[in-house]
C-alpha cells in the first residue's frame, strides 16, 4: 500500500487549473500487540501520533487480527517516527517510539504496567 509524505497545503478553487505533484511511497503497517505485566495479550485503546503530534490511528481492516496473531493493524503509515500508546480501562498505559521506513510491516509490543 502506498502513502504520501507530508506536503505543502493545497488550495482548490472553482474554475482554477493548478497542478500538484503527489509522490507515493510504500507505507508501513504497524502490528501492535498489548500485553499485561504477566505477558497475557489484553485489550486497550490505541493512539498513534506522528512527530508533529497529529493522530495517525487508522485501523487497517478489522481492528483485531486472528487468534494466531492477536493485536491490531494500524496504517499504512508514511516513513517517519511515531509515538504509539496503549491505555487500558484502568488508565494504565505503555508508550513506545517507533521508526518506520516503508517496510511492509513493523511489530510493536507494548506491556502495560511494566516496571
N, C-alpha and C. Protein backbone atom coordinates (compact mmCIF):
# COMPACT_ATOMS: atom_id res chain seq x y z
N UNK A 1 0.85 -1.17 0.00
CA UNK A 1 0.00 0.00 0.00
C UNK A 1 0.89 1.23 0.00
N UNK A 2 0.52 2.19 -0.81
CA UNK A 2 1.34 3.38 -0.89
C UNK A 2 0.68 4.56 -0.19
N UNK A 3 1.52 5.45 0.33
CA UNK A 3 1.07 6.64 1.04
C UNK A 3 1.91 7.81 0.58
N UNK A 4 1.43 9.01 0.90
CA UNK A 4 2.22 10.20 0.58
C UNK A 4 2.73 10.81 1.87
N UNK A 5 3.94 11.32 1.78
CA UNK A 5 4.50 12.03 2.93
C UNK A 5 3.85 13.41 3.00
N UNK A 6 4.16 14.14 4.02
CA UNK A 6 3.62 15.49 4.19
C UNK A 6 3.98 16.37 3.01
N UNK A 7 3.05 17.20 2.61
CA UNK A 7 3.32 18.16 1.54
C UNK A 7 2.82 19.53 1.99
N UNK A 8 3.13 20.51 1.18
CA UNK A 8 2.63 21.85 1.47
C UNK A 8 1.11 21.85 1.32
N UNK A 9 0.41 22.77 2.00
CA UNK A 9 -1.04 22.84 1.84
C UNK A 9 -1.41 23.13 0.38
N UNK A 10 -2.51 22.57 -0.04
CA UNK A 10 -3.00 22.77 -1.40
C UNK A 10 -4.36 23.43 -1.33
N UNK A 11 -4.54 24.50 -2.09
CA UNK A 11 -5.85 25.17 -2.16
C UNK A 11 -6.49 24.82 -3.49
N UNK A 12 -7.76 24.51 -3.42
CA UNK A 12 -8.51 24.20 -4.62
C UNK A 12 -9.64 25.21 -4.73
N UNK A 13 -9.70 25.88 -5.87
CA UNK A 13 -10.76 26.87 -6.10
C UNK A 13 -11.49 26.51 -7.38
N UNK A 14 -12.76 26.85 -7.40
CA UNK A 14 -13.52 26.57 -8.61
C UNK A 14 -12.98 27.37 -9.78
N UNK A 15 -13.06 26.79 -10.94
CA UNK A 15 -12.61 27.40 -12.19
C UNK A 15 -11.13 27.74 -12.21
N UNK A 16 -10.34 27.05 -11.41
CA UNK A 16 -8.89 27.26 -11.47
C UNK A 16 -8.23 25.97 -11.95
N UNK A 17 -7.11 26.13 -12.59
CA UNK A 17 -6.36 24.98 -13.07
C UNK A 17 -4.94 25.08 -12.52
N UNK A 18 -4.69 24.33 -11.48
CA UNK A 18 -3.37 24.27 -10.88
C UNK A 18 -2.89 22.84 -10.91
N UNK A 19 -1.59 22.68 -10.77
CA UNK A 19 -1.01 21.36 -10.80
C UNK A 19 -0.38 21.04 -9.45
N UNK A 20 -0.53 19.81 -9.03
CA UNK A 20 0.06 19.34 -7.78
C UNK A 20 0.81 18.06 -8.08
N UNK A 21 2.06 17.99 -7.61
CA UNK A 21 2.83 16.75 -7.74
C UNK A 21 2.68 15.97 -6.45
N UNK A 22 2.18 14.77 -6.56
CA UNK A 22 1.98 13.91 -5.41
C UNK A 22 2.85 12.67 -5.60
N UNK A 23 3.76 12.45 -4.66
CA UNK A 23 4.68 11.32 -4.74
C UNK A 23 4.23 10.27 -3.73
N UNK A 24 3.99 9.07 -4.21
CA UNK A 24 3.57 7.96 -3.34
C UNK A 24 4.76 7.04 -3.08
N UNK A 25 4.85 6.60 -1.84
CA UNK A 25 5.88 5.65 -1.44
C UNK A 25 5.22 4.52 -0.67
N UNK A 26 5.94 3.42 -0.53
CA UNK A 26 5.40 2.29 0.23
C UNK A 26 5.14 2.70 1.68
N UNK A 27 3.97 2.34 2.19
CA UNK A 27 3.63 2.61 3.58
C UNK A 27 3.88 1.38 4.44
N UNK A 28 3.91 1.58 5.73
CA UNK A 28 4.17 0.50 6.69
C UNK A 28 2.93 0.26 7.55
N UNK A 29 2.55 -1.00 7.71
CA UNK A 29 1.50 -1.37 8.66
C UNK A 29 2.16 -1.67 10.00
N UNK A 30 1.62 -1.10 11.07
CA UNK A 30 2.08 -1.44 12.42
C UNK A 30 1.22 -2.59 12.93
N UNK A 31 1.86 -3.66 13.38
CA UNK A 31 1.15 -4.74 14.06
C UNK A 31 1.42 -4.53 15.54
N UNK A 32 0.41 -4.05 16.26
CA UNK A 32 0.57 -3.69 17.67
C UNK A 32 -0.07 -4.76 18.54
N UNK A 33 0.72 -5.29 19.48
CA UNK A 33 0.24 -6.26 20.45
C UNK A 33 0.41 -5.63 21.83
N UNK A 34 -0.64 -5.70 22.65
CA UNK A 34 -0.61 -5.14 24.00
C UNK A 34 -0.72 -6.30 24.99
N UNK A 35 0.21 -6.30 25.94
CA UNK A 35 0.22 -7.35 26.97
C UNK A 35 0.15 -6.72 28.35
N UNK A 36 -0.33 -7.50 29.33
CA UNK A 36 -0.25 -7.05 30.72
C UNK A 36 1.12 -7.44 31.28
N UNK A 37 1.35 -7.13 32.54
CA UNK A 37 2.66 -7.38 33.15
C UNK A 37 3.01 -8.87 33.20
N UNK A 38 1.99 -9.75 33.13
CA UNK A 38 2.22 -11.20 33.15
C UNK A 38 2.42 -11.77 31.76
N UNK A 39 2.34 -10.96 30.71
CA UNK A 39 2.55 -11.43 29.35
C UNK A 39 1.30 -11.89 28.64
N UNK A 40 0.12 -11.65 29.24
CA UNK A 40 -1.14 -12.04 28.62
C UNK A 40 -1.58 -10.92 27.66
N UNK A 41 -1.99 -11.28 26.45
CA UNK A 41 -2.48 -10.30 25.49
C UNK A 41 -3.80 -9.74 26.01
N UNK A 42 -3.90 -8.40 26.03
CA UNK A 42 -5.09 -7.73 26.56
C UNK A 42 -5.58 -6.66 25.59
N UNK A 43 -6.80 -6.25 25.79
CA UNK A 43 -7.37 -5.16 25.01
C UNK A 43 -6.94 -3.81 25.57
N UNK A 44 -6.93 -2.82 24.72
CA UNK A 44 -6.56 -1.47 25.14
C UNK A 44 -6.98 -0.49 24.06
N UNK A 45 -7.04 0.76 24.44
CA UNK A 45 -7.25 1.84 23.48
C UNK A 45 -5.89 2.23 22.92
N UNK A 46 -5.80 2.41 21.60
CA UNK A 46 -4.52 2.74 20.97
C UNK A 46 -4.52 4.15 20.42
N UNK A 47 -3.34 4.76 20.45
CA UNK A 47 -3.12 6.07 19.85
C UNK A 47 -1.78 6.02 19.12
N UNK A 48 -1.77 6.49 17.88
CA UNK A 48 -0.54 6.59 17.10
C UNK A 48 -0.42 8.04 16.64
N UNK A 49 0.66 8.70 17.05
CA UNK A 49 0.85 10.12 16.71
C UNK A 49 2.17 10.31 15.98
N UNK A 50 2.15 11.19 14.98
CA UNK A 50 3.37 11.46 14.23
C UNK A 50 4.25 12.46 14.98
N UNK A 51 5.35 12.86 14.37
CA UNK A 51 6.32 13.75 15.02
C UNK A 51 5.75 15.12 15.34
N UNK A 52 4.67 15.50 14.68
CA UNK A 52 4.03 16.79 14.95
C UNK A 52 2.85 16.66 15.90
N UNK A 53 2.64 15.45 16.43
CA UNK A 53 1.56 15.23 17.39
C UNK A 53 0.21 14.96 16.78
N UNK A 54 0.15 14.78 15.48
CA UNK A 54 -1.12 14.54 14.80
C UNK A 54 -1.50 13.07 14.89
N UNK A 55 -2.79 12.84 15.15
CA UNK A 55 -3.30 11.47 15.28
C UNK A 55 -3.23 10.75 13.94
N UNK A 56 -2.58 9.61 13.93
CA UNK A 56 -2.45 8.77 12.73
C UNK A 56 -3.05 7.38 12.96
N UNK A 57 -3.91 7.26 13.97
CA UNK A 57 -4.50 5.97 14.31
C UNK A 57 -5.57 5.62 13.29
N UNK A 58 -5.18 4.81 12.32
CA UNK A 58 -6.11 4.33 11.29
C UNK A 58 -6.01 2.81 11.28
N UNK A 59 -7.09 2.19 11.71
CA UNK A 59 -7.08 0.72 11.72
C UNK A 59 -7.18 0.22 10.29
N UNK A 60 -6.37 -0.77 9.99
CA UNK A 60 -6.39 -1.38 8.66
C UNK A 60 -7.28 -2.60 8.72
N UNK A 61 -8.40 -2.56 8.04
CA UNK A 61 -9.40 -3.63 8.04
C UNK A 61 -9.95 -3.81 9.45
N UNK A 62 -10.08 -5.04 9.89
CA UNK A 62 -10.61 -5.32 11.22
C UNK A 62 -9.58 -4.94 12.28
N UNK A 63 -9.98 -4.16 13.29
CA UNK A 63 -9.02 -3.75 14.32
C UNK A 63 -8.34 -4.91 15.04
N UNK A 64 -8.98 -6.05 15.11
CA UNK A 64 -8.36 -7.22 15.75
C UNK A 64 -7.92 -8.19 14.68
N UNK A 65 -6.71 -8.71 14.82
CA UNK A 65 -6.26 -9.74 13.88
C UNK A 65 -6.71 -11.09 14.40
N UNK A 66 -6.25 -12.16 13.79
CA UNK A 66 -6.72 -13.50 14.16
C UNK A 66 -6.18 -13.94 15.51
N UNK A 67 -6.72 -15.03 16.00
CA UNK A 67 -6.23 -15.62 17.26
C UNK A 67 -4.77 -16.02 17.13
N UNK A 68 -4.36 -16.43 15.94
CA UNK A 68 -2.97 -16.84 15.73
C UNK A 68 -2.02 -15.65 15.82
N UNK A 69 -2.52 -14.47 15.49
CA UNK A 69 -1.70 -13.26 15.55
C UNK A 69 -2.53 -12.15 16.18
N UNK A 70 -2.71 -12.19 17.52
CA UNK A 70 -3.56 -11.20 18.17
C UNK A 70 -2.96 -9.80 18.06
N UNK A 71 -3.80 -8.82 18.19
CA UNK A 71 -3.35 -7.43 18.17
C UNK A 71 -4.12 -6.61 17.17
N UNK A 72 -3.55 -5.49 16.79
CA UNK A 72 -4.20 -4.55 15.88
C UNK A 72 -3.25 -4.21 14.74
N UNK A 73 -3.82 -3.95 13.58
CA UNK A 73 -3.05 -3.47 12.44
C UNK A 73 -3.41 -1.99 12.26
N UNK A 74 -2.40 -1.14 12.24
CA UNK A 74 -2.59 0.31 12.10
C UNK A 74 -1.84 0.76 10.85
N UNK A 75 -2.47 1.60 10.06
CA UNK A 75 -1.77 2.17 8.92
C UNK A 75 -2.54 1.96 7.63
N UNK A 76 -1.84 2.14 6.54
CA UNK A 76 -0.39 2.29 6.38
C UNK A 76 0.08 3.68 6.80
N UNK A 77 1.35 3.74 7.24
CA UNK A 77 1.98 4.97 7.68
C UNK A 77 3.13 5.34 6.76
N UNK A 78 3.29 6.63 6.52
CA UNK A 78 4.43 7.13 5.76
C UNK A 78 5.69 6.98 6.60
N UNK A 79 6.84 6.96 5.96
CA UNK A 79 8.12 6.87 6.69
C UNK A 79 8.22 7.99 7.70
N UNK A 80 8.72 7.65 8.89
CA UNK A 80 8.87 8.65 9.95
C UNK A 80 8.87 8.00 11.31
N UNK A 81 8.83 8.84 12.34
CA UNK A 81 8.83 8.38 13.73
C UNK A 81 7.45 8.64 14.32
N UNK A 82 6.94 7.65 15.02
CA UNK A 82 5.60 7.72 15.60
C UNK A 82 5.64 7.33 17.07
N UNK A 83 4.74 7.90 17.85
CA UNK A 83 4.57 7.53 19.25
C UNK A 83 3.31 6.68 19.35
N UNK A 84 3.49 5.45 19.82
CA UNK A 84 2.37 4.51 19.94
C UNK A 84 2.06 4.35 21.42
N UNK A 85 0.80 4.59 21.81
CA UNK A 85 0.40 4.50 23.20
C UNK A 85 -0.82 3.59 23.33
N UNK A 86 -0.76 2.69 24.31
CA UNK A 86 -1.90 1.83 24.64
C UNK A 86 -2.34 2.18 26.05
N UNK A 87 -3.66 2.29 26.26
CA UNK A 87 -4.21 2.61 27.58
C UNK A 87 -5.35 1.64 27.87
N UNK A 88 -5.31 1.03 29.06
CA UNK A 88 -6.39 0.10 29.41
C UNK A 88 -7.52 0.83 30.13
N UNK A 89 -8.56 0.11 30.51
CA UNK A 89 -9.74 0.71 31.15
C UNK A 89 -9.43 1.30 32.53
N UNK A 90 -8.30 0.91 33.15
CA UNK A 90 -7.91 1.47 34.45
C UNK A 90 -7.01 2.69 34.30
N UNK A 91 -6.72 3.09 33.05
CA UNK A 91 -5.86 4.24 32.81
C UNK A 91 -4.38 3.92 32.80
N UNK A 92 -4.02 2.64 32.92
CA UNK A 92 -2.61 2.24 32.86
C UNK A 92 -2.19 2.27 31.39
N UNK A 93 -1.01 2.88 31.12
CA UNK A 93 -0.60 2.96 29.73
C UNK A 93 0.84 2.52 29.53
N UNK A 94 1.16 2.32 28.27
CA UNK A 94 2.53 2.00 27.84
C UNK A 94 2.73 2.73 26.53
N UNK A 95 3.94 3.25 26.33
CA UNK A 95 4.25 4.04 25.14
C UNK A 95 5.57 3.57 24.54
N UNK A 96 5.64 3.61 23.21
CA UNK A 96 6.88 3.29 22.50
C UNK A 96 7.05 4.27 21.35
N UNK A 97 8.29 4.62 21.08
CA UNK A 97 8.62 5.41 19.91
C UNK A 97 9.04 4.43 18.82
N UNK A 98 8.45 4.58 17.63
CA UNK A 98 8.66 3.62 16.55
C UNK A 98 9.07 4.38 15.30
N UNK A 99 10.13 3.90 14.65
CA UNK A 99 10.58 4.49 13.38
C UNK A 99 10.27 3.50 12.27
N UNK A 100 9.54 3.96 11.24
CA UNK A 100 9.24 3.11 10.09
C UNK A 100 9.83 3.76 8.84
N UNK A 101 10.16 2.91 7.87
CA UNK A 101 10.82 3.41 6.66
C UNK A 101 10.34 2.67 5.41
N UNK A 102 9.04 2.42 5.34
CA UNK A 102 8.50 1.80 4.14
C UNK A 102 8.49 0.29 4.12
N UNK A 103 8.90 -0.36 5.22
CA UNK A 103 8.84 -1.81 5.27
C UNK A 103 7.36 -2.23 5.29
N UNK A 104 7.07 -3.43 4.85
CA UNK A 104 5.68 -3.89 4.74
C UNK A 104 4.97 -3.87 6.09
N UNK A 105 5.66 -4.34 7.12
CA UNK A 105 5.05 -4.43 8.45
C UNK A 105 6.10 -4.22 9.52
N UNK A 106 5.70 -3.60 10.62
CA UNK A 106 6.60 -3.37 11.75
C UNK A 106 5.88 -3.83 13.01
N UNK A 107 6.52 -4.68 13.78
CA UNK A 107 5.92 -5.23 15.00
C UNK A 107 6.18 -4.30 16.19
N UNK A 108 5.14 -4.06 16.99
CA UNK A 108 5.26 -3.24 18.20
C UNK A 108 4.60 -4.01 19.33
N UNK A 109 5.34 -4.23 20.43
CA UNK A 109 4.76 -4.86 21.61
C UNK A 109 4.80 -3.85 22.75
N UNK A 110 3.64 -3.59 23.32
CA UNK A 110 3.54 -2.68 24.46
C UNK A 110 3.12 -3.50 25.68
N UNK A 111 3.79 -3.28 26.80
CA UNK A 111 3.49 -4.01 28.03
C UNK A 111 2.94 -3.03 29.06
N UNK A 112 1.69 -3.22 29.42
CA UNK A 112 1.03 -2.35 30.42
C UNK A 112 1.50 -2.73 31.81
N UNK A 113 1.82 -1.74 32.61
CA UNK A 113 2.21 -1.98 33.99
C UNK A 113 3.60 -2.54 34.16
N UNK A 114 4.43 -2.51 33.11
CA UNK A 114 5.81 -3.00 33.22
C UNK A 114 6.63 -2.03 34.08
N UNK A 115 7.50 -2.57 34.89
CA UNK A 115 8.34 -1.74 35.75
C UNK A 115 9.71 -1.56 35.15
